[in-house]
Protein backbone atom coordinates (compact mmCIF):
# COMPACT_ATOMS: atom_id res chain seq x y z
CA MET A 1 42.99 104.84 48.52
CA ASN A 2 45.07 108.00 48.94
CA PRO A 3 46.60 108.87 52.37
CA ILE A 4 44.21 111.76 53.10
CA LYS A 5 41.10 109.74 52.25
CA SER A 6 42.38 106.80 54.29
CA ALA A 7 42.95 109.04 57.32
CA PHE A 8 39.41 110.42 57.11
CA VAL A 9 37.94 106.93 56.77
CA ARG A 10 39.80 105.80 59.89
CA LEU A 11 38.71 108.93 61.77
CA GLY A 12 35.13 108.35 60.69
CA VAL A 13 35.18 104.80 62.08
CA ILE A 14 36.55 106.04 65.41
CA LEU A 15 33.99 108.85 65.65
CA ALA A 16 31.17 106.45 64.83
CA LEU A 17 32.26 104.18 67.67
CA MET A 18 32.58 107.14 70.02
CA VAL A 19 29.13 108.58 69.45
CA GLN A 20 27.31 105.27 69.20
CA PRO A 21 26.81 104.87 72.98
CA LEU A 22 25.29 108.39 73.19
CA GLY A 23 22.68 107.80 70.51
CA ALA A 24 18.95 107.22 70.50
CA GLY A 25 19.17 104.40 73.04
CA LEU A 26 19.87 106.87 75.86
CA VAL A 27 16.46 108.31 76.57
CA HIS A 28 16.99 109.97 79.95
CA ALA A 29 19.29 112.97 80.38
CA ALA A 30 20.40 113.80 83.91
CA LYS A 31 21.57 117.22 85.01
CA ALA A 32 25.33 117.76 85.10
CA VAL A 33 26.79 116.57 88.41
CA SER A 34 29.58 118.34 90.29
CA THR A 35 29.85 116.35 93.56
CA VAL A 36 30.22 112.75 94.64
CA GLU A 37 26.79 112.93 96.26
CA GLY A 38 25.32 114.20 93.01
CA LEU A 39 26.97 111.43 91.02
CA VAL A 40 25.70 108.72 93.37
CA ALA A 41 22.19 110.21 93.28
CA ALA A 42 22.23 110.41 89.47
CA LEU A 43 23.28 106.76 89.17
CA LYS A 44 20.56 105.67 91.60
CA THR A 45 17.96 107.67 89.68
CA ALA A 46 19.14 106.07 86.46
CA GLN A 47 18.51 102.63 87.92
CA ASN A 48 15.05 103.66 89.14
CA ASN A 49 14.19 105.06 85.70
CA GLY A 50 15.15 101.87 83.97
CA GLY A 51 18.54 103.13 82.84
CA ASN A 52 19.49 104.33 79.34
CA THR A 53 20.64 107.52 81.02
CA TYR A 54 23.22 110.07 79.90
CA ILE A 55 24.96 111.75 82.88
CA PRO A 56 27.27 114.74 82.25
CA VAL A 57 30.02 115.06 84.86
CA GLU A 58 31.66 118.43 85.42
CA ALA A 59 35.37 119.07 85.91
CA GLY A 60 36.72 118.27 89.36
CA VAL A 61 38.23 115.57 91.55
CA PHE A 62 35.48 113.31 92.87
CA GLU A 63 37.02 111.72 95.99
CA MET A 64 34.94 108.89 97.46
CA ASP A 65 35.31 108.30 101.19
CA ALA A 66 35.29 104.93 102.93
CA SER A 67 31.55 105.09 103.70
CA LEU A 68 30.69 104.48 100.04
CA ALA A 69 30.49 100.74 99.41
CA PHE A 70 27.78 99.12 97.30
CA GLY A 71 27.66 95.35 97.59
CA SER A 72 27.33 92.71 94.88
CA PRO A 73 28.21 89.01 94.48
CA HIS A 74 31.40 90.25 92.77
CA GLY A 75 32.68 92.42 95.60
CA PRO A 76 32.01 96.03 96.65
CA SER A 77 32.13 99.17 94.52
CA ALA A 78 32.40 102.84 95.46
CA LEU A 79 29.53 103.76 93.11
CA PRO A 80 26.11 102.11 92.74
CA VAL A 81 26.16 98.79 90.89
CA ILE A 82 25.39 99.26 87.19
CA ARG A 83 22.17 97.30 86.63
CA THR A 84 20.83 99.29 83.65
CA SER A 85 22.60 101.11 80.83
CA VAL A 86 24.34 104.39 81.67
CA ALA A 87 26.74 106.81 79.93
CA LEU A 88 29.00 109.02 82.05
CA VAL A 89 30.61 111.87 80.10
CA GLY A 90 33.25 114.02 81.79
CA SER A 91 34.70 117.38 80.84
CA GLY A 92 38.13 116.00 79.89
CA GLU A 93 40.49 113.17 80.74
CA SER A 94 42.74 115.42 82.82
CA VAL A 95 40.05 117.52 84.55
CA THR A 96 37.31 115.06 85.54
CA ILE A 97 38.78 112.51 87.97
CA LEU A 98 36.88 109.77 89.80
CA ASP A 99 39.03 108.67 92.76
CA ALA A 100 38.03 105.72 94.95
CA LYS A 101 40.86 106.62 97.36
CA ASN A 102 42.18 103.04 97.78
CA PHE A 103 39.56 102.01 100.31
CA GLY A 104 39.31 98.40 99.17
CA ARG A 105 36.55 98.61 96.56
CA ARG A 106 36.47 99.14 92.83
CA LEU A 107 34.76 102.10 91.18
CA PHE A 108 32.21 100.28 89.00
CA THR A 109 30.60 96.84 88.99
CA VAL A 110 28.69 96.07 85.77
CA LEU A 111 26.08 93.32 85.72
CA PRO A 112 25.05 91.14 82.73
CA GLY A 113 23.11 92.58 79.80
CA VAL A 114 23.71 96.29 80.43
CA THR A 115 26.06 98.90 78.96
CA LEU A 116 28.39 101.26 80.82
CA THR A 117 29.96 104.00 78.71
CA VAL A 118 32.65 106.20 80.27
CA ARG A 119 34.06 109.12 78.33
CA ASN A 120 36.51 111.98 78.92
CA MET A 121 37.69 111.27 82.46
CA THR A 122 40.22 109.52 84.70
CA LEU A 123 39.46 106.49 86.89
CA THR A 124 41.86 105.97 89.80
CA GLY A 125 42.22 104.67 93.34
CA GLY A 126 40.10 101.55 92.87
CA GLU A 127 40.94 98.28 94.62
CA ALA A 128 39.37 94.86 94.10
CA ILE A 129 40.77 92.94 97.04
CA SER A 130 37.71 91.33 98.59
CA LEU A 131 38.39 87.84 99.93
CA ASP A 132 34.71 87.22 100.71
CA SER A 133 33.44 87.07 97.13
CA GLU A 134 32.54 83.64 95.79
CA GLU A 135 32.99 84.89 92.24
CA THR A 136 36.08 85.86 90.23
CA VAL A 137 37.93 88.61 92.06
CA GLY A 138 39.46 91.52 90.18
CA GLY A 139 38.96 94.67 88.20
CA GLY A 140 40.42 97.44 90.35
CA ALA A 141 38.58 100.20 88.49
CA ILE A 142 35.86 98.30 86.59
CA GLY A 143 34.60 94.76 87.02
CA ASN A 144 32.45 93.79 84.03
CA PHE A 145 30.50 90.59 84.69
CA GLY A 146 28.68 89.92 81.44
CA GLY A 147 27.86 93.46 80.36
CA LEU A 148 29.21 95.83 77.72
CA VAL A 149 31.81 98.44 78.73
CA ARG A 150 33.03 101.24 76.45
CA LEU A 151 35.86 103.58 77.41
CA LEU A 152 36.41 106.61 75.16
CA ASN A 153 39.21 109.10 75.93
CA VAL A 154 39.63 107.63 79.41
CA SER A 155 42.71 107.23 81.60
CA VAL A 156 42.61 104.25 83.99
CA ALA A 157 45.58 104.64 86.32
CA GLY A 158 46.67 103.77 89.83
CA ASN A 159 44.26 100.89 90.53
CA ALA A 160 44.93 97.44 92.01
CA ALA A 161 43.44 93.97 92.29
CA LEU A 162 43.99 90.72 94.09
CA GLY A 163 43.61 88.23 91.25
CA TYR A 164 42.61 89.42 87.78
CA GLY A 165 42.81 92.84 86.15
CA GLY A 166 44.58 95.50 88.18
CA ALA A 167 42.52 98.10 86.30
CA LEU A 168 39.89 96.29 84.21
CA LEU A 169 38.30 92.85 84.38
CA SER A 170 35.78 91.56 81.85
CA THR A 171 34.20 88.11 82.21
CA ALA A 172 31.96 86.73 79.46
CA GLY A 173 31.08 90.25 78.35
CA SER A 174 32.49 92.82 75.95
CA MET A 175 34.91 95.70 76.52
CA THR A 176 36.08 98.39 74.09
CA LEU A 177 38.82 100.99 74.60
CA ILE A 178 39.22 103.86 72.12
CA ARG A 179 41.87 106.56 72.51
CA SER A 180 42.33 105.53 76.13
CA GLU A 181 45.25 104.70 78.40
CA VAL A 182 45.60 101.97 81.02
CA SER A 183 48.72 102.67 83.06
CA GLU A 184 50.44 102.07 86.39
CA ASN A 185 47.98 99.50 87.69
CA TYR A 186 48.88 96.18 89.25
CA ALA A 187 47.50 92.74 90.11
CA VAL A 188 48.80 90.51 92.89
CA GLY A 189 48.45 86.74 93.16
CA GLU A 190 50.21 83.44 93.61
CA GLY A 191 50.02 81.64 90.29
CA VAL A 192 46.30 82.50 90.03
CA GLY A 193 45.01 85.63 88.36
CA GLY A 194 46.64 87.77 85.72
CA GLY A 195 46.64 91.06 83.90
CA GLY A 196 48.29 93.93 85.71
CA GLY A 197 46.34 96.28 83.45
CA ILE A 198 43.50 94.29 81.86
CA ALA A 199 42.14 90.76 82.27
CA VAL A 200 39.58 89.24 79.87
CA LEU A 201 38.03 85.88 80.76
CA GLY A 202 35.83 84.92 77.85
CA GLY A 203 33.91 87.41 75.75
CA ARG A 204 35.57 90.11 73.68
CA LEU A 205 38.08 92.93 74.01
CA ARG A 206 38.70 95.68 71.42
CA VAL A 207 41.58 98.15 71.85
CA VAL A 208 41.93 100.97 69.29
CA ASP A 209 44.35 103.93 69.30
CA SER A 210 45.16 103.25 72.93
CA VAL A 211 48.12 102.70 75.27
CA ILE A 212 48.61 99.96 77.87
CA ALA A 213 51.72 100.94 79.80
CA GLN A 214 53.65 100.53 83.05
CA ASN A 215 51.29 97.96 84.53
CA ARG A 216 52.58 94.96 86.48
CA THR A 217 51.77 91.67 88.16
CA GLU A 218 53.45 90.65 91.40
CA ALA A 219 53.75 87.35 93.24
CA MET A 220 52.56 86.89 96.80
CA ASN A 221 55.32 84.31 97.17
CA LEU A 222 57.09 82.87 94.09
CA HIS A 223 54.84 82.71 91.04
CA ALA A 224 53.60 86.00 89.62
CA PRO A 225 50.30 86.04 87.70
CA PRO A 226 50.93 86.17 83.93
CA GLY A 227 50.31 89.14 81.64
CA GLY A 228 51.88 92.31 82.99
CA GLY A 229 49.84 94.45 80.61
CA LEU A 230 47.06 92.15 79.39
CA TYR A 231 45.82 88.66 80.27
CA ALA A 232 43.29 86.95 77.98
CA SER A 233 41.76 83.51 78.50
CA ASP A 234 39.37 81.97 75.95
CA ALA A 235 38.52 85.47 74.74
CA ASP A 236 38.53 87.21 71.37
CA VAL A 237 41.05 90.06 71.47
CA VAL A 238 41.58 92.66 68.73
CA ILE A 239 44.24 95.37 69.14
CA ARG A 240 44.76 98.01 66.46
CA HIS A 241 46.94 101.13 66.24
CA SER A 242 47.95 100.75 69.88
CA ARG A 243 51.00 100.29 72.08
CA LEU A 244 51.91 98.02 75.00
CA GLN A 245 54.97 99.50 76.67
CA GLY A 246 56.87 99.08 79.91
CA ASN A 247 54.60 96.46 81.45
CA ARG A 248 56.09 93.81 83.72
CA ALA A 249 55.21 90.33 84.93
CA GLY A 250 57.10 89.52 88.12
CA GLU A 251 59.43 91.43 90.36
CA PRO A 252 61.87 94.03 89.01
CA LEU A 253 65.04 92.68 87.45
CA GLY A 254 67.60 91.91 90.12
CA ASN A 255 66.91 88.69 92.04
CA LEU A 256 67.78 86.33 89.21
CA THR A 257 68.78 83.42 91.45
CA SER A 258 65.31 82.78 92.92
CA SER A 259 63.08 80.01 91.58
CA SER A 260 60.15 82.32 90.93
CA THR A 261 58.40 82.44 87.56
CA SER A 262 56.70 84.99 85.32
CA GLN A 263 55.11 84.84 81.87
CA GLY A 264 54.16 87.46 79.31
CA GLY A 265 55.43 90.85 80.33
CA GLY A 266 53.28 92.61 77.76
CA ILE A 267 50.56 90.08 76.89
CA PHE A 268 49.68 86.56 77.99
CA LYS A 269 47.04 84.85 75.84
CA THR A 270 45.71 81.36 76.58
CA GLY A 271 42.90 79.27 75.14
CA ASP A 272 41.20 79.05 71.74
CA GLY A 273 40.03 82.63 71.33
CA LEU A 274 41.05 84.98 68.53
CA LEU A 275 44.14 87.15 68.94
CA LEU A 276 44.52 89.80 66.24
CA ILE A 277 47.09 92.60 66.60
CA GLU A 278 47.55 95.10 63.75
CA HIS A 279 49.54 98.31 63.25
CA SER A 280 50.75 98.24 66.84
CA ALA A 281 53.89 98.01 68.99
CA ILE A 282 54.91 95.77 71.89
CA VAL A 283 57.96 97.45 73.37
CA LYS A 284 60.14 97.46 76.51
CA ASN A 285 58.06 94.96 78.50
CA GLU A 286 59.60 92.48 80.98
CA ALA A 287 59.06 88.94 82.22
CA SER A 288 61.41 89.30 85.12
CA GLY A 289 60.33 86.87 87.81
CA GLY A 290 63.56 85.42 89.16
CA ARG A 291 65.17 82.60 87.22
CA TYR A 292 62.19 81.67 85.04
CA GLY A 293 60.91 84.65 83.08
CA TYR A 294 59.22 83.63 79.81
CA ALA A 295 58.24 86.05 77.01
CA GLY A 296 59.05 89.64 77.79
CA GLY A 297 56.73 90.81 75.02
CA LEU A 298 54.04 88.27 74.13
CA TYR A 299 53.24 84.73 75.28
CA VAL A 300 50.71 82.77 73.19
CA ARG A 301 49.56 79.50 74.73
CA GLY A 302 46.82 77.78 72.79
CA GLY A 303 44.69 78.26 69.72
CA PHE A 304 45.23 78.59 65.98
CA LYS A 305 43.61 82.02 65.43
CA ASN A 306 46.61 84.11 66.47
CA ARG A 307 47.65 86.73 63.90
CA LEU A 308 49.97 89.73 64.04
CA ARG A 309 50.11 92.06 61.04
CA ASN A 310 52.37 95.14 60.74
CA VAL A 311 53.55 94.94 64.35
CA SER A 312 56.88 95.78 66.01
CA ILE A 313 58.07 93.67 68.97
CA LEU A 314 61.07 95.60 70.28
CA GLU A 315 63.40 95.79 73.28
CA ASN A 316 61.47 93.40 75.52
CA THR A 317 63.31 91.38 78.16
CA ALA A 318 62.94 87.93 79.72
CA THR A 319 65.12 86.23 82.31
CA TYR A 320 64.92 82.77 80.77
CA ARG A 321 63.38 82.30 77.31
CA GLY A 322 61.81 84.31 74.52
CA GLY A 323 62.59 87.95 75.10
CA GLY A 324 60.14 88.92 72.34
CA LEU A 325 57.69 86.06 71.72
CA VAL A 326 57.02 82.61 73.19
CA THR A 327 54.51 80.16 71.69
CA SER A 328 53.26 76.85 73.06
CA ASP A 329 50.36 74.55 72.07
CA SER A 330 49.45 77.05 69.37
CA LYS A 331 50.08 78.38 65.90
CA VAL A 332 50.94 82.05 65.46
CA TYR A 333 50.93 83.87 62.11
CA LEU A 334 53.28 86.83 61.65
CA TYR A 335 52.70 89.04 58.60
CA GLY A 336 54.97 92.06 58.25
CA VAL A 337 56.32 91.89 61.80
CA THR A 338 59.64 93.12 63.18
CA VAL A 339 61.08 91.21 66.17
CA SER A 340 64.27 92.98 67.13
CA ARG A 341 66.52 94.01 70.02
CA ASN A 342 64.77 91.82 72.53
CA ASN A 343 66.95 90.33 75.22
CA VAL A 344 67.38 87.37 77.56
CA VAL A 345 69.37 88.21 80.69
CA GLY A 346 70.57 86.78 83.94
CA GLY A 347 72.88 83.77 83.56
CA ASN A 348 69.97 81.33 83.64
CA LEU A 349 71.23 79.37 80.65
CA GLN A 350 74.25 78.47 82.72
CA TYR A 351 71.85 77.22 85.40
CA CYS A 352 70.02 75.15 82.75
CA PHE A 353 73.33 73.66 81.63
CA GLU A 354 74.31 72.78 85.20
CA GLN A 355 70.94 71.19 86.02
CA THR A 356 70.42 69.18 82.83
CA GLY A 357 73.93 68.43 81.67
CA GLU A 358 72.83 69.39 78.16
CA PRO A 359 75.28 71.13 75.83
CA PRO A 360 75.00 74.92 75.53
CA LEU A 361 72.88 74.85 72.37
CA ALA A 362 70.22 72.72 74.08
CA CYS A 363 69.73 75.44 76.66
CA SER A 364 69.96 78.42 74.35
CA SER A 365 66.87 80.49 74.57
CA GLY A 366 65.77 82.34 71.46
CA ALA A 367 65.88 85.92 72.65
CA GLY A 368 63.67 86.98 69.75
CA ILE A 369 61.30 84.02 69.30
CA TRP A 370 61.02 80.78 71.27
CA SER A 371 58.64 78.35 69.56
CA MET A 372 58.20 75.30 71.77
CA GLU A 373 57.90 71.76 70.40
CA SER A 374 54.11 71.90 70.68
CA ALA A 375 53.87 75.11 68.65
CA MET A 376 54.50 76.56 65.22
CA VAL A 377 55.24 80.10 64.08
CA ALA A 378 54.22 80.77 60.46
CA MET A 379 55.57 83.99 59.02
CA SER A 380 55.84 86.11 55.90
CA HIS A 381 57.54 89.46 55.32
CA THR A 382 58.81 89.21 58.90
CA LEU A 383 62.17 90.38 60.22
CA VAL A 384 63.79 88.65 63.22
CA ALA A 385 67.21 90.09 63.94
CA GLU A 386 69.53 91.81 66.42
CA ASN A 387 68.06 90.05 69.43
CA THR A 388 70.66 89.30 72.09
CA LEU A 389 71.70 87.25 75.07
CA ASP A 390 73.50 89.21 77.74
CA ALA A 391 77.29 89.28 77.88
CA SER A 392 77.61 86.59 80.54
CA GLU A 393 75.65 84.13 78.39
CA GLN A 394 77.76 84.82 75.33
CA GLN A 395 81.02 84.34 77.24
CA LEU A 396 79.79 80.94 78.41
CA GLY A 397 79.18 79.82 74.84
CA PHE A 398 75.41 80.31 74.62
CA ALA A 399 75.42 82.95 71.90
CA ALA A 400 73.88 80.80 69.14
CA GLY A 401 70.14 80.96 68.64
CA ALA A 402 69.76 84.50 69.92
CA ASP A 403 67.17 85.44 67.28
CA CYS A 404 65.04 82.33 67.03
CA ARG A 405 64.61 78.82 68.32
CA GLY A 406 62.03 76.22 67.31
CA ALA A 407 59.76 75.42 64.38
CA VAL A 408 59.18 78.18 61.83
CA ASP A 409 56.93 77.72 58.81
CA SER A 410 58.21 80.13 56.19
CA LEU A 411 55.53 81.61 53.97
CA GLY A 412 58.23 83.53 52.15
CA HIS A 413 60.09 86.85 52.22
CA ASN A 414 61.48 86.70 55.76
CA ALA A 415 64.82 87.86 57.18
CA ILE A 416 66.43 86.09 60.14
CA GLY A 417 69.74 87.33 61.48
CA ASP A 418 70.79 84.24 63.50
CA GLY A 419 68.74 81.26 62.38
CA GLU A 420 71.04 78.50 63.63
CA LEU A 421 68.43 77.05 65.98
CA CYS A 422 65.36 77.83 63.87
CA SER A 423 63.88 74.84 62.09
CA VAL A 424 62.77 76.76 58.99
CA SER A 425 60.56 74.86 56.55
CA VAL A 426 61.56 74.78 52.91
CA LYS A 427 58.25 76.26 51.78
CA ARG A 428 59.16 79.36 49.72
CA SER A 429 62.49 79.52 51.56
CA ASP A 430 64.17 80.62 48.33
CA THR A 431 62.83 84.12 49.08
CA ASP A 432 64.09 84.21 52.68
CA LEU A 433 67.22 85.98 53.88
CA LEU A 434 68.95 83.82 56.49
CA ASP A 435 71.98 84.71 58.60
CA VAL A 436 72.22 88.24 57.21
CA ASP A 437 73.09 91.67 58.56
CA VAL A 438 69.76 93.48 58.24
CA ALA A 439 71.21 96.96 58.95
CA LEU A 440 68.54 98.54 61.18
CA SER A 441 68.43 102.12 62.50
CA GLU A 442 67.46 103.27 66.00
CA VAL A 443 64.04 102.82 67.62
CA GLU A 444 61.71 105.70 66.77
CA PHE A 445 58.69 106.89 68.76
CA GLY A 446 56.00 108.60 66.70
CA ALA A 447 53.08 110.73 67.84
CA GLU A 448 50.41 108.02 67.49
CA PRO A 449 50.05 105.18 70.04
CA GLY A 450 51.11 102.43 67.62
CA SER A 451 53.99 104.35 66.07
CA VAL A 452 57.04 102.75 67.71
CA PHE A 453 59.29 101.11 65.16
CA ILE A 454 62.74 100.48 63.66
CA GLN A 455 63.23 101.19 59.99
CA PRO A 456 66.08 99.79 57.87
CA TYR A 457 69.07 101.79 56.72
CA SER A 458 69.38 102.48 53.00
CA SER A 459 71.92 99.65 52.71
CA SER A 460 69.62 97.02 54.21
CA PRO A 461 68.84 93.91 52.12
CA VAL A 462 65.26 93.91 53.44
CA ILE A 463 64.31 96.94 51.31
CA ASP A 464 61.91 95.79 48.57
CA GLY A 465 62.56 92.21 49.68
CA GLY A 466 58.88 91.28 49.61
CA GLU A 467 55.99 90.80 47.24
CA VAL A 468 54.45 93.44 45.01
CA ALA A 469 52.14 95.59 47.17
CA VAL A 470 48.50 95.13 46.13
CA ASP A 471 45.14 95.69 47.82
CA GLY A 472 43.82 92.56 49.45
CA SER A 473 47.18 90.83 49.86
CA VAL A 474 47.39 88.64 52.94
CA PHE A 475 51.15 89.00 53.23
CA CYS A 476 51.97 92.47 51.85
CA SER A 477 49.45 95.17 52.75
CA PRO A 478 49.49 98.51 50.88
CA ARG A 479 50.41 100.36 54.09
CA ASP A 480 52.97 99.62 56.76
CA GLN A 481 52.68 99.69 60.55
CA VAL A 482 52.53 103.47 60.81
CA GLY A 483 50.26 103.95 57.80
CA ARG A 484 52.88 104.84 55.23
CA VAL A 485 52.19 103.86 51.63
CA ARG A 486 54.63 101.31 50.19
CA ASN A 487 57.29 102.79 47.94
CA ASP A 488 59.88 101.69 45.41
CA GLY A 489 62.81 101.57 47.81
CA ASP A 490 65.35 100.13 45.40
CA ARG A 491 64.04 102.22 42.48
CA ASP A 492 63.67 99.34 40.05
CA GLY A 493 60.26 100.55 38.92
CA VAL A 494 58.27 98.00 40.99
CA ILE A 495 56.68 98.82 44.36
CA ARG A 496 57.32 95.93 46.72
CA CYS A 497 56.96 95.59 50.46
CA ASP A 498 60.05 95.83 52.59
CA ILE A 499 60.56 92.90 54.96
CA GLY A 500 59.44 93.90 58.44
CA ALA A 501 56.85 96.21 59.95
CA VAL A 502 57.83 99.52 58.33
CA GLU A 503 59.02 100.82 54.97
CA TYR A 504 62.37 102.51 54.47
CA ARG A 505 62.13 106.29 54.14
């Protein structure tokens, strides 16, 4: 398929998803609303009419005072509880703003079996902090309790929760984000809860052409909830053409002597559900809770259906182990992935050495990938290089194992810069590049959400280091992370994949 045709196909899929909620199923059309009172009345009328209502919302800031609180078993909301299907369509993400004004209730509560579609607006100021609810607490902007939620061209920013999902919580339902942004939300807890931006407990989550950024979890005492950007438990999660950036689990870097913990600065996934991430970037996230920060980028705990294809994991930071990726009790498949310039900081390996008496290598942390004894990372066409321990660690003799530690099942055509502590299987290892200088350029930020990447320099040995690019290949797809067609980088007349997420240009 040529690049232009491919772009139109992708656009067609997105448009189909965007218009689907506004189709024949929505039989009642409300008048456009321009006030909070009008919006509340339209939602109440929709419930009385049996739902399936399309409600246009004009430009403006809809500020909801403290008197608006609609009760449910899941805590209060500023707008009427969604009991039948409704679509709210604003005039633009930046001009239609629903603001709950931080009065201790979320914006929307969605009940089982109904659909809430929100399009072209901003959701802010929601708080899910009720201590009286007997059900799962969370979802600062939207709490979805068994329904279907679709967000299209929506910004969800500046919301908070005690427990799960600073912005969005979905339990046993389905949630889809398309061309949306979840940013600057937070969740607070003490070892319970998770997801500064989004929490999914069962059910499904789909994220397409979207950004999850600058969200955080914070501890009430010592142990921050996991998943600064996204927390998923026993849920099927699919992320495509998207970016998780600048999310944080735990307190800001600084107090590295405390015994607090944090896990999964970008994503924390647990349980047997599907995790599929394609053509996306996980960049500049942090697991920074005191002495024990695990997985600045992605923590996978559990399951064997975990696959990343054409993904960059870059410049994430942890204070203890696995700056980029940590796996436990699971198997994770990496196809065409770049894990680079992730970091472990803070002198905590010295603490490990002092507490256990183990030699330095036993404490060394795998700043790129840490695969625990109960886990396995299987990879092909994957680049793991230029990950680092901070200067204090290196001076103390902990430099080895910076890129990778633990069991790695090589499916061929990988490049590992420092593989001293990687237990790499012999399967197809004759095609792997071990202990090499991969010669990478600087991090680049493209216009699309998933376009954050590092490409190799012209001298890099990873150029054309993979299989011949053919349609249907599991390991070597015809297009790279940012949608570029594979090319003959070494000009030998054969088009092969480069090792890593992007092709040399």
